[in-house]
């Protein structure tokens, strides 16, 4: 028999080798999948992921409890903890961010090309605890760009004015009738003369119309929040300044236009519930996420609320609130007091770059009539009241606050800086006996009499309570050149 011709046994051994290689190739993906998940579950794998998050969070200490991935479920990180900044970690026991689980669904085709593109992400029970003491580090004014030297813009730029992605098309510098160059440079009256002959122009070739490009559909990208919470606190105070509880929403953030809804269990300010069981529609049209105007109940009063967020550099944000004139329910005051008003109307607006508090700007105005304030056995009535506030470049100011009554009037203004410094003054205008009684009730431990400012009428005097210091340690001067006592 010819030895060059393979026998049946040799053929079977060749087939077995091919089957083994094929089985090994088929086993490599599930084996690599299992080994990679085992590595992600180890402390070393968690530290590697924590280092990636650490780079995205400005160098804050980050820990990841465990992680896993799958082609159908994406990448899941569990028990993520991002610590407070080093100078605040000793004073604040809670971390800056705590997330039970974060699931990221990437675009696998882009990952194979070396680009990590996120299609959607889901955050389960994220908790954010931000101290107001962090704002001085953030409230820096945005960098001012150097002016661009003037140049002649192309015709296309003149036909289309610049458009703000948040506010829509912007108006040009002038709203009057346009003045052509012949009008702007026209000389004085001259003697008419016959026009000079012009050379004949060669016929211009007609441009072939270009068909509009077909719109490319991009799947909508989502950030899904489940039971999120946020607290703005101040070191040394037990009650959060602002607390948002149980925020749930599917937020569209990229791709095609989409609609969604936002749900919020409660919004508390200084422990008082301002908003509860809030539901609002959302609309996405790249790059703007809009909260359409919605009617809400704020402190038991009917108001309208709307907002826009542009998902571009800096995250421009705009919020507006309108409170039509109405009769509000009585408001409880500290110490068992109560305040009520016959009519109250207010409006407010906020805008700025969300990631640059130094750019925040806001205005608010409230007006009321027939105000009544009761504290214990004391009762004060006012005919009208007004309060205007402004936020500019990290400085919050009450530019004017007034309560005008027949027997007592209060006038004041105040300013709070981002670093905690504060100053203000409240002027009490009333008969001398009533003014002295009010000051004694507010400052019972003071033994020195306040300093009064005489007015044009002898029936009333003014006492200026000047407040100054830091928000955590405020002092009060009882009248001009009067005694200084701590604010109770």
Protein backbone atom coordinates (compact mmCIF):
# COMPACT_ATOMS: atom_id res chain seq x y z
CA UNK A 1 0.00 0.00 0.00
CA UNK A 2 1.21 3.52 -0.84
CA UNK A 3 2.33 5.29 2.36
CA UNK A 4 1.51 8.76 0.89
CA UNK A 5 -2.18 7.97 0.98
CA UNK A 6 -3.56 8.71 4.49
CA UNK A 7 -5.24 5.86 6.21
CA UNK A 8 -8.61 6.01 7.95
CA UNK A 9 -6.97 6.39 11.36
CA UNK A 10 -4.91 9.35 10.19
CA UNK A 11 -7.98 11.01 8.75
CA UNK A 12 -9.83 10.55 12.03
CA UNK A 13 -6.91 12.04 14.00
CA UNK A 14 -6.89 15.05 11.65
CA UNK A 15 -10.62 15.60 12.14
CA UNK A 16 -10.20 15.35 15.91
CA UNK A 17 -7.48 18.01 15.86
CA UNK A 18 -9.71 20.33 13.85
CA UNK A 19 -12.61 19.76 16.21
CA UNK A 20 -10.39 20.50 19.22
CA UNK A 21 -9.18 23.75 17.67
CA UNK A 22 -12.75 24.71 16.78
CA UNK A 23 -13.94 23.90 20.31
CA UNK A 24 -11.08 25.97 21.75
CA UNK A 25 -11.99 28.91 19.53
CA UNK A 26 -15.64 28.62 20.56
CA UNK A 27 -14.66 28.42 24.22
CA UNK A 28 -12.41 31.49 24.16
CA UNK A 29 -15.24 34.14 24.28
CA UNK A 30 -17.14 32.60 27.21
CA UNK A 31 -13.84 31.87 28.96
CA UNK A 32 -12.67 35.48 28.49
CA UNK A 33 -16.10 36.73 29.64
CA UNK A 34 -15.91 34.65 32.82
CA UNK A 35 -12.29 35.58 33.58
CA UNK A 36 -12.91 39.30 33.01
CA UNK A 37 -15.89 39.28 35.40
CA UNK A 38 -13.82 37.39 37.98
CA UNK A 39 -11.08 40.04 37.65
CA UNK A 40 -13.59 42.90 38.00
CA UNK A 41 -14.86 41.32 41.22
CA UNK A 42 -11.38 41.30 42.75
CA UNK A 43 -10.08 44.27 44.82
CA UNK A 44 -7.53 45.00 42.11
CA UNK A 45 -10.20 45.24 39.43
CA UNK A 46 -12.35 47.50 41.66
CA UNK A 47 -9.37 49.76 42.31
CA UNK A 48 -8.74 50.00 38.55
CA UNK A 49 -12.34 51.10 37.96
CA UNK A 50 -12.20 53.48 40.94
CA UNK A 51 -9.12 55.11 39.39
CA UNK A 52 -11.09 55.72 36.17
CA UNK A 53 -13.91 57.37 38.13
CA UNK A 54 -11.34 59.25 40.23
CA UNK A 55 -10.00 60.95 37.09
CA UNK A 56 -13.50 62.08 36.08
CA UNK A 57 -14.33 63.49 39.55
CA UNK A 58 -11.57 66.04 39.92
CA UNK A 59 -9.25 63.82 41.94
CA UNK A 60 -11.68 63.04 44.79
CA UNK A 61 -11.16 59.74 46.60
CA UNK A 62 -13.34 57.06 45.01
CA UNK A 63 -14.24 53.50 45.98
CA UNK A 64 -16.08 50.83 43.99
CA UNK A 65 -17.49 47.80 45.81
CA UNK A 66 -17.91 45.39 42.89
CA UNK A 67 -18.44 45.36 39.14
CA UNK A 68 -19.54 43.10 36.30
CA UNK A 69 -20.32 43.31 32.61
CA UNK A 70 -22.14 41.47 29.86
CA UNK A 71 -22.86 42.17 26.20
CA UNK A 72 -26.60 42.37 26.88
CA UNK A 73 -26.52 44.25 30.22
CA UNK A 74 -23.54 46.58 29.80
CA UNK A 75 -21.15 47.53 32.61
CA UNK A 76 -22.49 47.62 36.17
CA UNK A 77 -20.65 49.25 39.10
CA UNK A 78 -22.00 48.73 42.62
CA UNK A 79 -21.54 50.59 45.89
CA UNK A 80 -19.78 53.63 44.43
CA UNK A 81 -18.59 56.11 47.07
CA UNK A 82 -16.98 59.47 46.22
CA UNK A 83 -15.60 61.25 49.27
CA UNK A 84 -15.90 64.90 50.20
CA UNK A 85 -12.99 67.25 49.36
CA UNK A 86 -10.08 66.78 51.79
CA UNK A 87 -10.69 70.09 53.60
CA UNK A 88 -14.33 69.12 54.30
CA UNK A 89 -14.05 65.37 54.91
CA UNK A 90 -13.30 65.80 58.63
CA UNK A 91 -16.38 68.02 59.19
CA UNK A 92 -18.84 66.05 57.01
CA UNK A 93 -19.28 62.38 57.80
CA UNK A 94 -21.31 61.54 54.67
CA UNK A 95 -19.64 61.18 51.27
CA UNK A 96 -20.19 63.61 48.46
CA UNK A 97 -21.81 60.95 46.23
CA UNK A 98 -23.06 57.46 47.06
CA UNK A 99 -24.62 55.26 44.35
CA UNK A 100 -26.02 51.79 44.99
CA UNK A 101 -25.48 50.76 41.38
CA UNK A 102 -24.54 52.39 38.09
CA UNK A 103 -25.35 50.54 34.88
CA UNK A 104 -23.82 51.82 31.62
CA UNK A 105 -24.93 50.57 28.20
CA UNK A 106 -22.21 51.47 25.69
CA UNK A 107 -22.31 51.42 21.91
CA UNK A 108 -20.33 48.21 21.41
CA UNK A 109 -19.54 48.96 17.79
CA UNK A 110 -17.82 52.21 18.85
CA UNK A 111 -15.98 50.37 21.62
CA UNK A 112 -14.53 47.95 19.07
CA UNK A 113 -13.17 50.98 17.20
CA UNK A 114 -11.51 52.36 20.34
CA UNK A 115 -14.16 54.98 21.23
CA UNK A 116 -16.20 54.54 24.43
CA UNK A 117 -19.66 55.95 23.61
CA UNK A 118 -22.46 55.63 26.17
CA UNK A 119 -25.94 54.92 24.83
CA UNK A 120 -27.71 55.02 28.20
CA UNK A 121 -26.93 54.90 31.90
CA UNK A 122 -29.04 54.05 34.94
CA UNK A 123 -28.33 55.26 38.48
CA UNK A 124 -30.06 53.40 41.29
CA UNK A 125 -30.56 55.37 44.55
CA UNK A 126 -27.85 58.02 44.03
CA UNK A 127 -27.34 60.30 47.04
CA UNK A 128 -25.64 63.70 46.73
CA UNK A 129 -24.56 65.65 49.83
CA UNK A 130 -23.09 69.07 48.95
CA UNK A 131 -21.87 71.55 51.55
CA UNK A 132 -22.47 75.24 50.99
CA UNK A 133 -18.82 75.73 52.00
CA UNK A 134 -17.86 74.20 48.62
CA UNK A 135 -19.39 77.11 46.70
CA UNK A 136 -16.47 79.52 47.27
CA UNK A 137 -14.25 77.04 45.38
CA UNK A 138 -16.73 76.94 42.51
CA UNK A 139 -18.03 80.51 42.44
CA UNK A 140 -15.26 81.88 40.29
CA UNK A 141 -16.32 84.16 37.43
CA UNK A 142 -16.05 82.47 34.03
CA UNK A 143 -12.99 83.29 32.01
CA UNK A 144 -13.41 86.31 29.76
CA UNK A 145 -12.38 85.66 26.20
CA UNK A 146 -10.04 88.11 24.52
CA UNK A 147 -11.85 90.40 22.05
CA UNK A 148 -11.68 89.31 18.44
CA UNK A 149 -10.36 91.97 16.06
CA UNK A 150 -13.05 93.29 13.72
CA UNK A 151 -13.29 91.67 10.33
CA UNK A 152 -15.68 91.68 7.41
CA UNK A 153 -18.10 88.80 7.99
CA UNK A 154 -19.19 86.66 5.06
CA UNK A 155 -22.61 87.24 3.56
CA UNK A 156 -23.93 83.97 5.03
CA UNK A 157 -23.10 85.18 8.54
CA UNK A 158 -25.02 88.42 7.97
CA UNK A 159 -28.10 86.58 6.79
CA UNK A 160 -28.29 84.29 9.84
CA UNK A 161 -27.90 86.01 13.24
CA UNK A 162 -26.24 83.96 16.00
CA UNK A 163 -28.55 81.68 17.92
CA UNK A 164 -28.40 80.91 21.61
CA UNK A 165 -28.99 77.17 22.04
CA UNK A 166 -30.91 77.88 25.24
CA UNK A 167 -32.91 81.01 24.45
CA UNK A 168 -33.39 80.69 20.70
CA UNK A 169 -32.49 83.18 17.96
CA UNK A 170 -30.86 86.38 19.15
CA UNK A 171 -31.78 89.81 17.85
CA UNK A 172 -29.37 91.90 15.85
CA UNK A 173 -27.75 95.03 17.24
CA UNK A 174 -30.35 97.30 15.69
CA UNK A 175 -34.11 96.94 15.34
CA UNK A 176 -34.60 99.99 13.11
CA UNK A 177 -34.66 100.09 9.31
CA UNK A 178 -31.40 99.05 7.74
CA UNK A 179 -29.20 101.63 6.13
CA UNK A 180 -27.35 100.55 3.03
CA UNK A 181 -23.76 101.51 2.28
CA UNK A 182 -24.87 104.04 -0.33
CA UNK A 183 -26.87 105.90 2.32
CA UNK A 184 -24.10 105.75 4.89
CA UNK A 185 -21.44 107.07 2.51
CA UNK A 186 -23.60 109.33 0.33
CA UNK A 187 -21.86 112.68 -0.49
CA UNK A 188 -23.53 116.05 -0.48
CA UNK A 189 -25.50 117.40 -3.43
CA UNK A 190 -23.60 117.29 -6.74
CA UNK A 191 -24.21 118.22 -10.35
CA UNK A 192 -25.87 115.31 -12.17
CA UNK A 193 -23.80 113.88 -14.98
CA UNK A 194 -24.27 111.15 -17.51
CA UNK A 195 -23.30 107.73 -16.27
CA UNK A 196 -20.08 106.29 -17.58
CA UNK A 197 -20.45 103.29 -19.90
CA UNK A 198 -19.98 99.99 -18.19
CA UNK A 199 -18.29 96.98 -19.85
CA UNK A 200 -20.55 94.11 -20.71
CA UNK A 201 -20.46 91.26 -18.21
CA UNK A 202 -19.95 87.70 -19.33
CA UNK A 203 -22.94 85.47 -18.57
CA UNK A 204 -22.57 83.70 -15.25
CA UNK A 205 -23.01 79.94 -15.16
CA UNK A 206 -26.10 78.87 -13.27
CA UNK A 207 -25.43 76.81 -10.18
CA UNK A 208 -26.93 73.37 -10.11
CA UNK A 209 -29.36 73.09 -7.19
CA UNK A 210 -28.11 70.75 -4.47
CA UNK A 211 -30.58 68.34 -2.95
CA UNK A 212 -30.91 68.68 0.87
CA UNK A 213 -28.98 66.09 2.81
CA UNK A 214 -31.03 63.32 4.27
CA UNK A 215 -31.56 63.53 8.02
CA UNK A 216 -29.67 60.88 9.93
CA UNK A 217 -31.61 59.30 12.78
CA UNK A 218 -29.60 58.77 15.97
CA UNK A 219 -31.12 56.67 18.78
CA UNK A 220 -31.97 58.74 21.82
CA UNK A 221 -29.48 58.50 24.70
CA UNK A 222 -30.86 58.34 28.25
CA UNK A 223 -29.82 58.93 31.85
CA UNK A 224 -32.25 57.03 34.05
CA UNK A 225 -32.48 58.18 37.66
CA UNK A 226 -34.14 55.91 40.22
CA UNK A 227 -34.92 57.28 43.73
CA UNK A 228 -32.25 59.99 43.66
CA UNK A 229 -31.78 62.41 46.57
CA UNK A 230 -29.89 65.67 47.03
CA UNK A 231 -29.03 67.67 50.14
CA UNK A 232 -27.40 71.08 50.39
CA UNK A 233 -26.04 71.41 53.91
CA UNK A 234 -24.00 73.83 55.98
CA UNK A 235 -21.34 72.69 58.42
CA UNK A 236 -22.55 73.09 61.98
CA UNK A 237 -26.28 72.95 61.21
CA UNK A 238 -28.41 69.84 61.65
CA UNK A 239 -31.22 70.74 59.21
CA UNK A 240 -30.30 70.73 55.49
CA UNK A 241 -30.69 74.03 53.68
CA UNK A 242 -32.27 72.30 50.67
CA UNK A 243 -33.37 68.66 50.48
CA UNK A 244 -34.73 66.82 47.42
CA UNK A 245 -36.13 63.34 48.01
CA UNK A 246 -37.02 60.46 45.68
CA UNK A 247 -36.33 61.97 42.26
CA UNK A 248 -37.16 59.54 39.45
CA UNK A 249 -36.97 60.29 35.74
CA UNK A 250 -35.76 59.05 32.37
CA UNK A 251 -33.77 62.02 31.06
CA UNK A 252 -33.14 62.12 27.27
CA UNK A 253 -29.70 63.65 26.73
CA UNK A 254 -28.68 62.92 23.14
CA UNK A 255 -29.92 61.75 19.77
CA UNK A 256 -33.41 62.07 18.37
CA UNK A 257 -36.15 64.17 19.95
CA UNK A 258 -38.04 62.48 22.77
CA UNK A 259 -40.54 63.15 25.57
CA UNK A 260 -40.39 62.00 29.16
CA UNK A 261 -41.61 62.85 32.67
CA UNK A 262 -40.04 63.84 35.96
CA UNK A 263 -41.32 62.78 39.39
CA UNK A 264 -40.29 64.27 42.73
CA UNK A 265 -41.53 63.18 46.14
CA UNK A 266 -40.65 66.36 48.06
CA UNK A 267 -38.58 69.54 48.11
CA UNK A 268 -37.75 70.97 51.53
CA UNK A 269 -36.08 74.28 52.38
CA UNK A 270 -34.80 74.60 55.95
CA UNK A 271 -36.95 71.62 56.91
CA UNK A 272 -40.16 73.12 55.51
CA UNK A 273 -41.87 71.23 52.67
CA UNK A 274 -42.17 73.61 49.73
CA UNK A 275 -43.13 71.04 47.10
CA UNK A 276 -44.54 67.52 47.27
CA UNK A 277 -45.68 64.89 44.77
CA UNK A 278 -44.35 66.91 41.82
CA UNK A 279 -44.86 65.62 38.26
CA UNK A 280 -43.72 67.48 35.14
CA UNK A 281 -43.34 66.72 31.42
CA UNK A 282 -39.93 66.91 29.74
CA UNK A 283 -39.14 67.50 26.07
CA UNK A 284 -35.79 66.86 24.39
CA UNK A 285 -34.73 68.60 21.19
CA UNK A 286 -30.95 68.48 20.89
CA UNK A 287 -29.20 70.10 22.59
CA UNK A 288 -31.93 71.50 24.90
CA UNK A 289 -33.87 69.60 27.57
CA UNK A 290 -37.02 71.56 28.41
CA UNK A 291 -39.36 71.35 31.36
CA UNK A 292 -42.59 72.58 29.83
CA UNK A 293 -44.68 75.08 31.84
CA UNK A 294 -46.50 73.21 34.58
CA UNK A 295 -48.86 74.20 37.39
CA UNK A 296 -47.58 73.24 40.83
CA UNK A 297 -48.51 73.81 44.45
CA UNK A 298 -45.70 75.69 46.22
CA UNK A 299 -46.20 76.07 49.99
CA UNK A 300 -49.87 75.49 49.34
CA UNK A 301 -50.02 78.24 46.69
CA UNK A 302 -50.73 77.87 42.98
CA UNK A 303 -47.81 78.84 40.71
CA UNK A 304 -46.36 78.09 37.28
CA UNK A 305 -42.86 76.73 36.72
CA UNK A 306 -40.72 76.14 33.60
CA UNK A 307 -37.08 75.55 32.78
CA UNK A 308 -34.48 74.73 30.12
CA UNK A 309 -31.09 73.03 30.26
CA UNK A 310 -28.71 73.02 27.28
CA UNK A 311 -26.37 70.04 27.21
CA UNK A 312 -23.37 71.92 25.88
CA UNK A 313 -20.16 73.17 27.49
CA UNK A 314 -20.93 74.64 30.93
CA UNK A 315 -24.56 73.40 30.97
CA UNK A 316 -26.53 76.67 30.52
CA UNK A 317 -29.63 76.60 32.73
CA UNK A 318 -32.71 78.80 32.86
CA UNK A 319 -35.60 78.60 35.35
CA UNK A 320 -38.71 80.76 35.64
CA UNK A 321 -41.48 80.92 38.22
CA UNK A 322 -44.69 82.94 38.35
CA UNK A 323 -46.95 83.19 41.41
CA UNK A 324 -50.23 84.94 40.49
CA UNK A 325 -51.87 87.17 43.09
CA UNK A 326 -53.75 85.00 45.57
CA UNK A 327 -54.61 84.57 49.25
CA UNK A 328 -52.04 82.18 50.77
CA UNK A 329 -52.58 79.93 53.75
CA UNK A 330 -51.04 81.12 57.06
CA UNK A 331 -47.33 80.34 57.38
CA UNK A 332 -45.95 78.90 60.61
CA UNK A 333 -43.01 80.82 62.11
CA UNK A 334 -40.29 79.56 64.48
CA UNK A 335 -41.30 79.73 68.12
CA UNK A 336 -44.97 79.04 67.48
CA UNK A 337 -45.64 82.25 65.54
CA UNK A 338 -47.76 82.70 62.44
CA UNK A 339 -47.73 85.01 59.41
CA UNK A 340 -50.58 85.63 56.97
CA UNK A 341 -51.28 87.93 54.04
CA UNK A 342 -54.43 89.03 52.25
CA UNK A 343 -52.83 88.92 48.79
CA UNK A 344 -49.42 87.70 47.62
CA UNK A 345 -47.82 87.78 44.17
CA UNK A 346 -44.27 86.85 43.19
CA UNK A 347 -42.05 86.10 40.21
CA UNK A 348 -38.52 84.81 39.83
CA UNK A 349 -35.96 84.00 37.17
CA UNK A 350 -32.61 82.22 37.27
CA UNK A 351 -30.03 81.66 34.54
CA UNK A 352 -26.37 80.80 34.23
CA UNK A 353 -23.89 78.00 33.65
CA UNK A 354 -24.73 75.14 36.00
CA UNK A 355 -21.07 74.12 36.35
CA UNK A 356 -19.86 77.69 37.02
CA UNK A 357 -21.67 79.24 40.02
CA UNK A 358 -19.79 82.48 39.37
CA UNK A 359 -22.00 82.95 36.28
CA UNK A 360 -25.30 82.48 38.12
CA UNK A 361 -27.79 85.33 37.83
CA UNK A 362 -31.21 85.54 39.37
CA UNK A 363 -33.94 88.02 40.22
CA UNK A 364 -36.99 87.71 42.42
CA UNK A 365 -39.78 90.07 43.43
CA UNK A 366 -42.63 89.53 45.88
CA UNK A 367 -45.46 91.90 46.81
CA UNK A 368 -48.15 91.44 49.44
CA UNK A 369 -50.95 93.34 51.11
CA UNK A 370 -52.61 93.17 54.54
CA UNK A 371 -49.82 91.29 56.34
CA UNK A 372 -50.33 89.99 59.88
CA UNK A 373 -47.54 88.57 62.09
CA UNK A 374 -48.25 86.95 65.45
CA UNK A 375 -45.56 85.85 67.90
CA UNK A 376 -46.88 84.73 71.28
CA UNK A 377 -49.04 87.50 72.72
CA UNK A 378 -47.72 90.11 70.30
CA UNK A 379 -49.40 91.04 67.06
CA UNK A 380 -48.21 93.34 64.26
CA UNK A 381 -50.15 94.42 61.17
CA UNK A 382 -48.85 95.96 57.96
CA UNK A 383 -50.69 97.47 55.02
CA UNK A 384 -48.28 96.30 52.34
CA UNK A 385 -44.93 94.59 51.84
CA UNK A 386 -42.34 94.21 49.11
CA UNK A 387 -39.11 92.23 48.76
CA UNK A 388 -36.65 92.19 45.87
CA UNK A 389 -33.60 89.90 45.65
CA UNK A 390 -30.79 89.62 43.10
CA UNK A 391 -28.00 87.10 42.50
CA UNK A 392 -24.92 88.24 40.61
CA UNK A 393 -21.51 86.58 40.41
CA UNK A 394 -21.80 84.61 43.64
CA UNK A 395 -23.29 87.54 45.61
CA UNK A 396 -26.87 87.23 46.87
CA UNK A 397 -28.49 90.55 47.76
CA UNK A 398 -31.82 91.60 49.16
CA UNK A 399 -31.88 94.97 47.47
CA UNK A 400 -35.04 96.19 49.16
CA UNK A 401 -37.42 94.75 51.75
CA UNK A 402 -40.28 96.72 53.31
CA UNK A 403 -43.21 96.13 55.63
CA UNK A 404 -45.21 99.33 55.96
CA UNK A 405 -47.80 99.75 58.71
CA UNK A 406 -49.49 102.49 60.72
CA UNK A 407 -47.87 101.61 64.05
CA UNK A 408 -44.71 99.80 62.89
CA UNK A 409 -42.63 99.75 59.71
CA UNK A 410 -39.62 97.57 58.84
CA UNK A 411 -37.15 98.50 56.09
CA UNK A 412 -33.99 96.60 55.24
CA UNK A 413 -31.45 95.24 52.81
CA UNK A 414 -28.68 92.63 53.04
CA UNK A 415 -25.89 90.96 51.07
CA UNK A 416 -24.34 87.50 51.40
CA UNK A 417 -21.06 86.65 49.65
CA UNK A 418 -20.11 83.21 48.39
CA UNK A 419 -17.39 82.87 51.05
CA UNK A 420 -19.96 83.26 53.85
CA UNK A 421 -19.48 86.94 54.64
CA UNK A 422 -22.74 88.77 55.22
CA UNK A 423 -23.92 92.28 56.03
CA UNK A 424 -27.31 93.91 56.31
CA UNK A 425 -29.45 96.39 58.17
CA UNK A 426 -33.05 96.39 59.36
CA UNK A 427 -34.60 99.72 60.39
CA UNK A 428 -37.45 99.66 62.92
CA UNK A 429 -39.72 102.69 62.72
CA UNK A 430 -42.20 102.95 65.59
CA UNK A 431 -42.88 104.90 68.79
CA UNK A 432 -39.93 104.81 71.20
CA UNK A 433 -41.67 102.54 73.71
CA UNK A 434 -42.71 100.02 71.06
CA UNK A 435 -39.23 100.00 69.47
CA UNK A 436 -37.54 99.40 72.82
CA UNK A 437 -39.99 96.55 73.59
CA UNK A 438 -39.31 94.86 70.22
CA UNK A 439 -35.53 95.03 70.68
CA UNK A 440 -35.80 93.57 74.19
CA UNK A 441 -37.92 90.67 72.93
CA UNK A 442 -35.42 89.86 70.18
CA UNK A 443 -32.34 90.26 72.40
CA UNK A 444 -33.44 89.36 75.94
CA UNK A 445 -29.85 88.94 77.21
CA UNK A 446 -28.79 92.44 76.23
CA UNK A 447 -28.42 94.85 79.17
CA UNK A 448 -27.38 98.02 77.29
CA UNK A 449 -30.07 100.19 75.71
CA UNK A 450 -30.13 100.42 71.90
CA UNK A 451 -29.28 103.65 70.10
CA UNK A 452 -32.20 105.43 68.45
CA UNK A 453 -32.13 107.73 65.44
CA UNK A 454 -34.51 110.69 65.74
CA UNK A 455 -36.90 111.41 62.89
CA UNK A 456 -38.62 114.56 61.71
CA UNK A 457 -41.66 113.65 63.79
CA UNK A 458 -41.34 113.26 67.54
CA UNK A 459 -43.97 110.51 67.65
CA UNK A 460 -41.59 107.90 66.16
CA UNK A 461 -37.96 106.91 66.27
CA UNK A 462 -35.78 104.64 64.14
CA UNK A 463 -33.50 101.87 65.36
CA UNK A 464 -31.05 100.44 62.81
CA UNK A 465 -30.11 96.82 63.55
CA UNK A 466 -26.85 96.36 61.65
CA UNK A 467 -25.93 92.71 60.99
CA UNK A 468 -22.38 91.73 59.97
CA UNK A 469 -19.93 88.83 60.12
CA UNK A 470 -20.05 85.29 58.78
CA UNK A 471 -23.29 83.37 58.21
CA UNK A 472 -22.24 80.96 60.98
CA UNK A 473 -21.30 83.75 63.40
CA UNK A 474 -23.33 86.94 62.91
CA UNK A 475 -23.14 90.01 65.15
CA UNK A 476 -25.76 92.74 65.52
CA UNK A 477 -25.18 96.39 66.38
CA UNK A 478 -28.26 97.81 68.09
CA UNK A 479 -28.50 101.21 66.46
CA UNK A 480 -25.84 103.55 65.15
CA UNK A 481 -22.85 103.41 67.53
CA UNK A 482 -24.94 101.14 69.77
CA UNK A 483 -23.93 97.96 71.62
CA UNK A 484 -22.89 94.83 69.64
CA UNK A 485 -24.49 91.51 70.56
CA UNK A 486 -24.47 88.05 68.89
CA UNK A 487 -27.43 87.19 66.72
CA UNK A 488 -29.65 84.74 68.65
